[in-house]
C-alpha atoms as a PDB file:
ATOM      1  CA  LEU A   1      64.963  43.270 -41.368  1.00  0.00           C
ATOM      2  CA  THR A   2      65.141  45.884 -38.644  1.00  0.00           C
ATOM      3  CA  GLY A   3      64.752  49.646 -38.431  1.00  0.00           C
ATOM      4  CA  LYS A   4      62.373  52.147 -39.947  1.00  0.00           C
ATOM      5  CA  TYR A   5      60.649  51.103 -43.229  1.00  0.00           C
ATOM      6  CA  THR A   6      58.640  53.390 -45.639  1.00  0.00           C
ATOM      7  CA  VAL A   7      56.167  52.772 -48.461  1.00  0.00           C
ATOM      8  CA  PRO A   8      55.894  52.728 -51.216  1.00  0.00           C
ATOM      9  CA  ILE A   9      58.817  50.463 -52.097  1.00  0.00           C
ATOM     10  CA  LEU A  10      59.703  48.698 -55.158  1.00  0.00           C
ATOM     11  CA  TRP A  11      61.658  45.345 -54.199  1.00  0.00           C
ATOM     12  CA  ASP A  12      63.637  43.273 -56.677  1.00  0.00           C
ATOM     13  CA  LYS A  13      63.202  39.615 -55.507  1.00  0.00           C
ATOM     14  CA  LYS A  14      65.839  38.276 -57.770  1.00  0.00           C
ATOM     15  CA  HIS A  15      68.641  40.501 -56.318  1.00  0.00           C
ATOM     16  CA  ASN A  16      66.859  40.813 -52.885  1.00  0.00           C
ATOM     17  CA  THR A  17      67.241  44.534 -52.862  1.00  0.00           C
ATOM     18  CA  ILE A  18      65.300  47.946 -52.806  1.00  0.00           C
ATOM     19  CA  VAL A  19      65.031  49.262 -56.387  1.00  0.00           C
ATOM     20  CA  SER A  20      63.328  52.601 -55.056  1.00  0.00           C
ATOM     21  CA  ASN A  21      61.181  53.959 -52.332  1.00  0.00           C
ATOM     22  CA  GLU A  22      60.571  57.314 -54.157  1.00  0.00           C
ATOM     23  CA  SER A  23      56.973  57.312 -55.513  1.00  0.00           C
ATOM     24  CA  SER A  24      57.739  59.526 -58.360  1.00  0.00           C
ATOM     25  CA  GLU A  25      60.499  57.309 -59.649  1.00  0.00           C
ATOM     26  CA  ILE A  26      58.331  54.225 -59.072  1.00  0.00           C
ATOM     27  CA  ILE A  27      55.499  55.404 -61.199  1.00  0.00           C
ATOM     28  CA  GLN A  28      57.838  56.126 -63.907  1.00  0.00           C
ATOM     29  CA  MET A  29      59.260  52.789 -63.842  1.00  0.00           C
ATOM     30  CA  LEU A  30      55.729  51.276 -63.782  1.00  0.00           C
ATOM     31  CA  ASN A  31      54.741  53.371 -66.762  1.00  0.00           C
ATOM     32  CA  SER A  32      57.368  51.700 -69.166  1.00  0.00           C
ATOM     33  CA  SER A  33      59.932  49.427 -67.519  1.00  0.00           C
ATOM     34  CA  PHE A  34      57.384  46.506 -67.095  1.00  0.00           C
ATOM     35  CA  ASN A  35      55.740  46.645 -70.490  1.00  0.00           C
ATOM     36  CA  GLU A  36      56.795  43.177 -71.293  1.00  0.00           C
ATOM     37  CA  TRP A  37      54.077  42.062 -68.683  1.00  0.00           C
ATOM     38  CA  ALA A  38      51.750  44.943 -68.995  1.00  0.00           C
ATOM     39  CA  LYS A  39      48.124  44.601 -69.868  1.00  0.00           C
ATOM     40  CA  TYR A  40      48.022  47.880 -71.960  1.00  0.00           C
ATOM     41  CA  PRO A  41      51.734  48.500 -72.982  1.00  0.00           C
ATOM     42  CA  ASP A  42      51.005  51.074 -75.412  1.00  0.00           C
ATOM     43  CA  ILE A  43      49.569  53.349 -72.795  1.00  0.00           C
ATOM     44  CA  ASP A  44      52.311  56.170 -71.939  1.00  0.00           C
ATOM     45  CA  LEU A  45      51.531  58.425 -69.230  1.00  0.00           C
ATOM     46  CA  ASN A  46      54.949  59.977 -69.399  1.00  0.00           C
ATOM     47  CA  PRO A  47      55.053  61.136 -72.977  1.00  0.00           C
ATOM     48  CA  PRO A  48      58.163  62.823 -74.100  1.00  0.00           C
ATOM     49  CA  GLU A  49      56.283  65.819 -75.632  1.00  0.00           C
ATOM     50  CA  LEU A  50      54.797  66.565 -72.271  1.00  0.00           C
ATOM     51  CA  ARG A  51      57.630  66.025 -69.893  1.00  0.00           C
ATOM     52  CA  GLU A  52      58.729  69.699 -69.654  1.00  0.00           C
ATOM     53  CA  ALA A  53      55.079  70.758 -68.951  1.00  0.00           C
ATOM     54  CA  MET A  54      54.670  68.051 -66.378  1.00  0.00           C
ATOM     55  CA  LYS A  55      57.982  69.087 -64.686  1.00  0.00           C
ATOM     56  CA  ASP A  56      56.640  72.628 -64.654  1.00  0.00           C
ATOM     57  CA  VAL A  57      53.481  71.693 -62.840  1.00  0.00           C
ATOM     58  CA  ASP A  58      55.173  69.173 -60.474  1.00  0.00           C
ATOM     59  CA  GLU A  59      57.343  71.718 -59.217  1.00  0.00           C
ATOM     60  CA  TRP A  60      54.798  73.659 -57.473  1.00  0.00           C
ATOM     61  CA  ILE A  61      52.123  70.896 -56.927  1.00  0.00           C
ATOM     62  CA  TYR A  62      54.646  68.708 -55.154  1.00  0.00           C
ATOM     63  CA  PRO A  63      56.010  70.832 -52.472  1.00  0.00           C
ATOM     64  CA  ASN A  64      52.753  72.882 -51.832  1.00  0.00           C
ATOM     65  CA  ILE A  65      50.084  70.274 -52.186  1.00  0.00           C
ATOM     66  CA  ASN A  66      51.460  66.611 -52.404  1.00  0.00           C
ATOM     67  CA  ASN A  67      54.048  67.405 -49.696  1.00  0.00           C
ATOM     68  CA  GLY A  68      52.316  70.254 -48.387  1.00  0.00           C
ATOM     69  CA  VAL A  69      49.646  68.201 -46.420  1.00  0.00           C
ATOM     70  CA  TYR A  70      52.529  66.397 -44.759  1.00  0.00           C
ATOM     71  CA  ARG A  71      54.266  69.677 -43.947  1.00  0.00           C
ATOM     72  CA  CYS A  72      51.032  70.580 -42.257  1.00  0.00           C
ATOM     73  CA  GLY A  73      50.523  67.355 -40.542  1.00  0.00           C
ATOM     74  CA  PHE A  74      54.064  66.930 -39.248  1.00  0.00           C
ATOM     75  CA  ALA A  75      54.807  70.380 -38.335  1.00  0.00           C
ATOM     76  CA  ARG A  76      56.823  70.551 -35.088  1.00  0.00           C
ATOM     77  CA  SER A  77      56.201  74.240 -34.465  1.00  0.00           C
ATOM     78  CA  GLN A  78      53.340  76.643 -34.825  1.00  0.00           C
ATOM     79  CA  ALA A  79      55.429  78.687 -37.209  1.00  0.00           C
ATOM     80  CA  ALA A  80      56.238  75.702 -39.423  1.00  0.00           C
ATOM     81  CA  TYR A  81      52.543  74.801 -39.622  1.00  0.00           C
ATOM     82  CA  ASP A  82      51.422  78.338 -40.292  1.00  0.00           C
ATOM     83  CA  LYS A  83      53.912  78.610 -43.144  1.00  0.00           C
ATOM     84  CA  ALA A  84      52.617  75.142 -44.667  1.00  0.00           C
ATOM     85  CA  VAL A  85      49.069  75.955 -44.243  1.00  0.00           C
ATOM     86  CA  GLU A  86      49.513  79.153 -45.774  1.00  0.00           C
ATOM     87  CA  ASP A  87      51.332  77.720 -48.978  1.00  0.00           C
ATOM     88  CA  LEU A  88      48.515  74.978 -49.296  1.00  0.00           C
ATOM     89  CA  PRO A  89      45.444  76.888 -50.107  1.00  0.00           C
ATOM     90  CA  GLY A  90      47.328  79.235 -52.319  1.00  0.00           C
ATOM     91  CA  ALA A  91      48.502  76.292 -54.497  1.00  0.00           C
ATOM     92  CA  VAL A  92      45.015  74.734 -54.355  1.00  0.00           C
ATOM     93  CA  ASP A  93      43.646  78.054 -55.587  1.00  0.00           C
ATOM     94  CA  LYS A  94      46.100  78.094 -58.461  1.00  0.00           C
ATOM     95  CA  LEU A  95      45.193  74.482 -59.290  1.00  0.00           C
ATOM     96  CA  GLU A  96      41.477  75.334 -59.350  1.00  0.00           C
ATOM     97  CA  THR A  97      42.030  78.291 -61.761  1.00  0.00           C
ATOM     98  CA  LEU A  98      44.404  75.976 -64.131  1.00  0.00           C
ATOM     99  CA  LEU A  99      41.862  72.984 -64.058  1.00  0.00           C
ATOM    100  CA  SER A 100      39.021  75.489 -64.844  1.00  0.00           C
ATOM    101  CA  GLN A 101      40.831  76.163 -68.198  1.00  0.00           C
ATOM    102  CA  GLN A 102      41.780  72.680 -69.237  1.00  0.00           C
ATOM    103  CA  ARG A 103      40.809  69.036 -68.490  1.00  0.00           C
ATOM    104  CA  PHE A 104      44.183  67.719 -67.029  1.00  0.00           C
ATOM    105  CA  VAL A 105      47.060  69.414 -65.298  1.00  0.00           C
ATOM    106  CA  THR A 106      49.190  69.570 -68.549  1.00  0.00           C
ATOM    107  CA  GLY A 107      46.171  70.028 -71.056  1.00  0.00           C
ATOM    108  CA  ASP A 108      43.870  67.625 -72.587  1.00  0.00           C
ATOM    109  CA  ARG A 109      46.133  64.374 -71.899  1.00  0.00           C
ATOM    110  CA  PHE A 110      46.065  62.401 -68.777  1.00  0.00           C
ATOM    111  CA  THR A 111      49.473  61.962 -67.440  1.00  0.00           C
ATOM    112  CA  LEU A 112      51.537  60.851 -64.362  1.00  0.00           C
ATOM    113  CA  SER A 113      51.281  64.384 -63.080  1.00  0.00           C
ATOM    114  CA  ASP A 114      47.387  63.780 -62.787  1.00  0.00           C
ATOM    115  CA  ILE A 115      48.100  60.394 -60.863  1.00  0.00           C
ATOM    116  CA  ARG A 116      50.475  62.068 -58.416  1.00  0.00           C
ATOM    117  CA  LEU A 117      47.778  64.928 -57.992  1.00  0.00           C
ATOM    118  CA  PHE A 118      44.745  62.634 -57.694  1.00  0.00           C
ATOM    119  CA  VAL A 119      45.951  60.396 -54.974  1.00  0.00           C
ATOM    120  CA  THR A 120      46.441  63.526 -52.694  1.00  0.00           C
ATOM    121  CA  LEU A 121      43.111  65.057 -53.475  1.00  0.00           C
ATOM    122  CA  LEU A 122      41.465  61.718 -53.001  1.00  0.00           C
ATOM    123  CA  ARG A 123      42.422  61.561 -49.351  1.00  0.00           C
ATOM    124  CA  PHE A 124      42.134  65.364 -48.749  1.00  0.00           C
ATOM    125  CA  ASP A 125      38.665  65.518 -47.263  1.00  0.00           C
ATOM    126  CA  GLU A 126      38.632  62.057 -45.672  1.00  0.00           C
ATOM    127  CA  VAL A 127      42.055  62.217 -43.967  1.00  0.00           C
ATOM    128  CA  TYR A 128      44.119  65.365 -44.250  1.00  0.00           C
ATOM    129  CA  ILE A 129      41.640  67.932 -43.314  1.00  0.00           C
ATOM    130  CA  VAL A 130      41.137  65.957 -39.918  1.00  0.00           C
ATOM    131  CA  TYR A 131      44.397  64.374 -39.422  1.00  0.00           C
ATOM    132  CA  PHE A 132      46.931  66.826 -40.756  1.00  0.00           C
ATOM    133  CA  LYS A 133      44.952  70.052 -39.917  1.00  0.00           C
ATOM    134  CA  THR A 134      44.443  71.269 -43.604  1.00  0.00           C
ATOM    135  CA  ASN A 135      41.112  72.557 -42.871  1.00  0.00           C
ATOM    136  CA  THR A 136      41.427  75.845 -44.928  1.00  0.00           C
ATOM    137  CA  ARG A 137      40.024  74.230 -47.923  1.00  0.00           C
ATOM    138  CA  SER A 138      37.918  71.129 -48.894  1.00  0.00           C
ATOM    139  CA  ILE A 139      37.959  69.409 -52.219  1.00  0.00           C
ATOM    140  CA  ALA A 140      34.068  68.813 -51.979  1.00  0.00           C
ATOM    141  CA  SER A 141      33.640  72.487 -51.803  1.00  0.00           C
ATOM    142  CA  SER A 142      35.770  73.410 -54.748  1.00  0.00           C
ATOM    143  CA  PRO A 143      33.632  72.692 -57.732  1.00  0.00           C
ATOM    144  CA  THR A 144      36.332  72.492 -60.210  1.00  0.00           C
ATOM    145  CA  LEU A 145      38.529  70.176 -58.208  1.00  0.00           C
ATOM    146  CA  LEU A 146      35.766  68.000 -57.288  1.00  0.00           C
ATOM    147  CA  ASN A 147      34.560  67.583 -60.915  1.00  0.00           C
ATOM    148  CA  TYR A 148      38.249  66.898 -61.893  1.00  0.00           C
ATOM    149  CA  CYS A 149      38.610  64.163 -59.260  1.00  0.00           C
ATOM    150  CA  ARG A 150      35.254  62.718 -60.724  1.00  0.00           C
ATOM    151  CA  ASP A 151      36.650  62.654 -64.186  1.00  0.00           C
ATOM    152  CA  VAL A 152      40.047  60.817 -62.970  1.00  0.00           C
ATOM    153  CA  TYR A 153      38.078  58.439 -60.637  1.00  0.00           C
ATOM    154  CA  GLN A 154      35.939  57.478 -63.449  1.00  0.00           C
ATOM    155  CA  GLN A 155      38.616  56.700 -65.891  1.00  0.00           C
ATOM    156  CA  ALA A 156      38.922  53.105 -66.863  1.00  0.00           C
ATOM    157  CA  GLY A 157      40.325  51.032 -63.994  1.00  0.00           C
ATOM    158  CA  VAL A 158      40.947  53.747 -61.553  1.00  0.00           C
ATOM    159  CA  ARG A 159      37.959  53.162 -59.251  1.00  0.00           C
ATOM    160  CA  ASN A 160      39.327  49.649 -58.668  1.00  0.00           C
ATOM    161  CA  THR A 161      42.370  50.980 -57.232  1.00  0.00           C
ATOM    162  CA  VAL A 162      40.706  53.122 -54.464  1.00  0.00           C
ATOM    163  CA  ASN A 163      40.175  51.638 -51.150  1.00  0.00           C
ATOM    164  CA  MET A 164      38.942  54.328 -48.809  1.00  0.00           C
ATOM    165  CA  GLU A 165      38.506  52.216 -45.859  1.00  0.00           C
ATOM    166  CA  GLN A 166      42.173  50.995 -46.119  1.00  0.00           C
ATOM    167  CA  ILE A 167      43.507  54.418 -46.702  1.00  0.00           C
ATOM    168  CA  LYS A 168      41.756  55.802 -43.587  1.00  0.00           C
ATOM    169  CA  MET A 169      42.960  52.826 -41.472  1.00  0.00           C
ATOM    170  CA  HIS A 170      46.448  53.145 -42.636  1.00  0.00           C
ATOM    171  CA  TYR A 171      46.656  56.981 -41.755  1.00  0.00           C
ATOM    172  CA  PHE A 172      44.758  57.008 -38.591  1.00  0.00           C
ATOM    173  CA  CYS A 173      46.450  53.860 -37.241  1.00  0.00           C
ATOM    174  CA  SER A 174      50.047  54.427 -38.106  1.00  0.00           C
ATOM    175  CA  HIS A 175      51.088  57.529 -36.043  1.00  0.00           C
ATOM    176  CA  PRO A 176      50.666  56.991 -32.349  1.00  0.00           C
ATOM    177  CA  ASP A 177      51.855  60.597 -31.642  1.00  0.00           C
ATOM    178  CA  LEU A 178      49.049  62.066 -33.693  1.00  0.00           C
ATOM    179  CA  ASN A 179      46.223  59.553 -33.002  1.00  0.00           C
ATOM    180  CA  LYS A 180      47.104  57.684 -29.684  1.00  0.00           C
ATOM    181  CA  PHE A 181      44.032  55.619 -29.516  1.00  0.00           C
ATOM    182  CA  SER A 182      43.883  54.946 -33.425  1.00  0.00           C
ATOM    183  CA  ILE A 183      40.399  56.130 -33.662  1.00  0.00           C
ATOM    184  CA  ILE A 184      39.152  56.313 -37.353  1.00  0.00           C
ATOM    185  CA  PRO A 185      36.859  59.313 -38.044  1.00  0.00           C
ATOM    186  CA  LYS A 186      33.431  58.509 -39.834  1.00  0.00           C
ATOM    187  CA  GLY A 187      34.231  60.956 -42.537  1.00  0.00           C
ATOM    188  CA  SER A 188      32.030  62.607 -45.315  1.00  0.00           C
ATOM    189  CA  ASN A 189      32.047  59.620 -47.638  1.00  0.00           C
ATOM    190  CA  PHE A 190      33.923  61.644 -50.315  1.00  0.00           C
ATOM    191  CA  GLU A 191      34.074  58.503 -52.511  1.00  0.00           C
ATOM    192  CA  GLU A 192      30.350  58.674 -53.055  1.00  0.00           C
ATOM    193  CA  LEU A 193      30.676  62.200 -54.493  1.00  0.00           C
ATOM    194  CA  LEU A 194      33.215  60.781 -57.080  1.00  0.00           C
ATOM    195  CA  ARG A 195      30.692  58.326 -58.478  1.00  0.00           C
ATOM    196  CA  GLN A 196      28.397  61.199 -59.469  1.00  0.00           C
ATOM    197  CA  PRO A 197      28.593  62.526 -63.085  1.00  0.00           C
ATOM    198  CA  HIS A 198      31.094  65.166 -64.279  1.00  0.00           C
ATOM    199  CA  ASN A 199      31.073  67.483 -67.308  1.00  0.00           C
ATOM    200  CA  ARG A 200      34.697  67.622 -68.139  1.00  0.00           C
END
């Protein structure tokens, strides 16, 4: 294969083709399309009764937070960066308010929307603040968001999916135009904060 590649990617080995490289589609497929082989096939993180609520929150969380950090990091002009870095903290503040009123982003049930949000918040202090210049907020200094991240991190099986060393190595060594010498910052050991108790 030649040319540019992206991750994540879902590959069909039988038909030797890409199924999808869109993360929001892939997690929906992983939620239900492979239940025949799943260890816990009865778990549904995309319940029909919450799909409208998930769509509502995803519509502002994705562009301003999930993609907002990339809009900051890959901005090609000061104006583009200024717009992105203005949208990001507003959405973070809105999220802080929302999660101070309920346990998860759609209420009291953990969903795919929480997975999408958590992976961005997990990387925020260790990667995005430094690498993508999103330094107007930090998750460690946002009590509700830190507590939320602890709650998600401590859900069964989640901690085992987190490899902060690999996350940092990937980001800081993947873009020569942003980090010519691939130097990986020491960071604040955000993951250690996630091991502390929460009260959600």
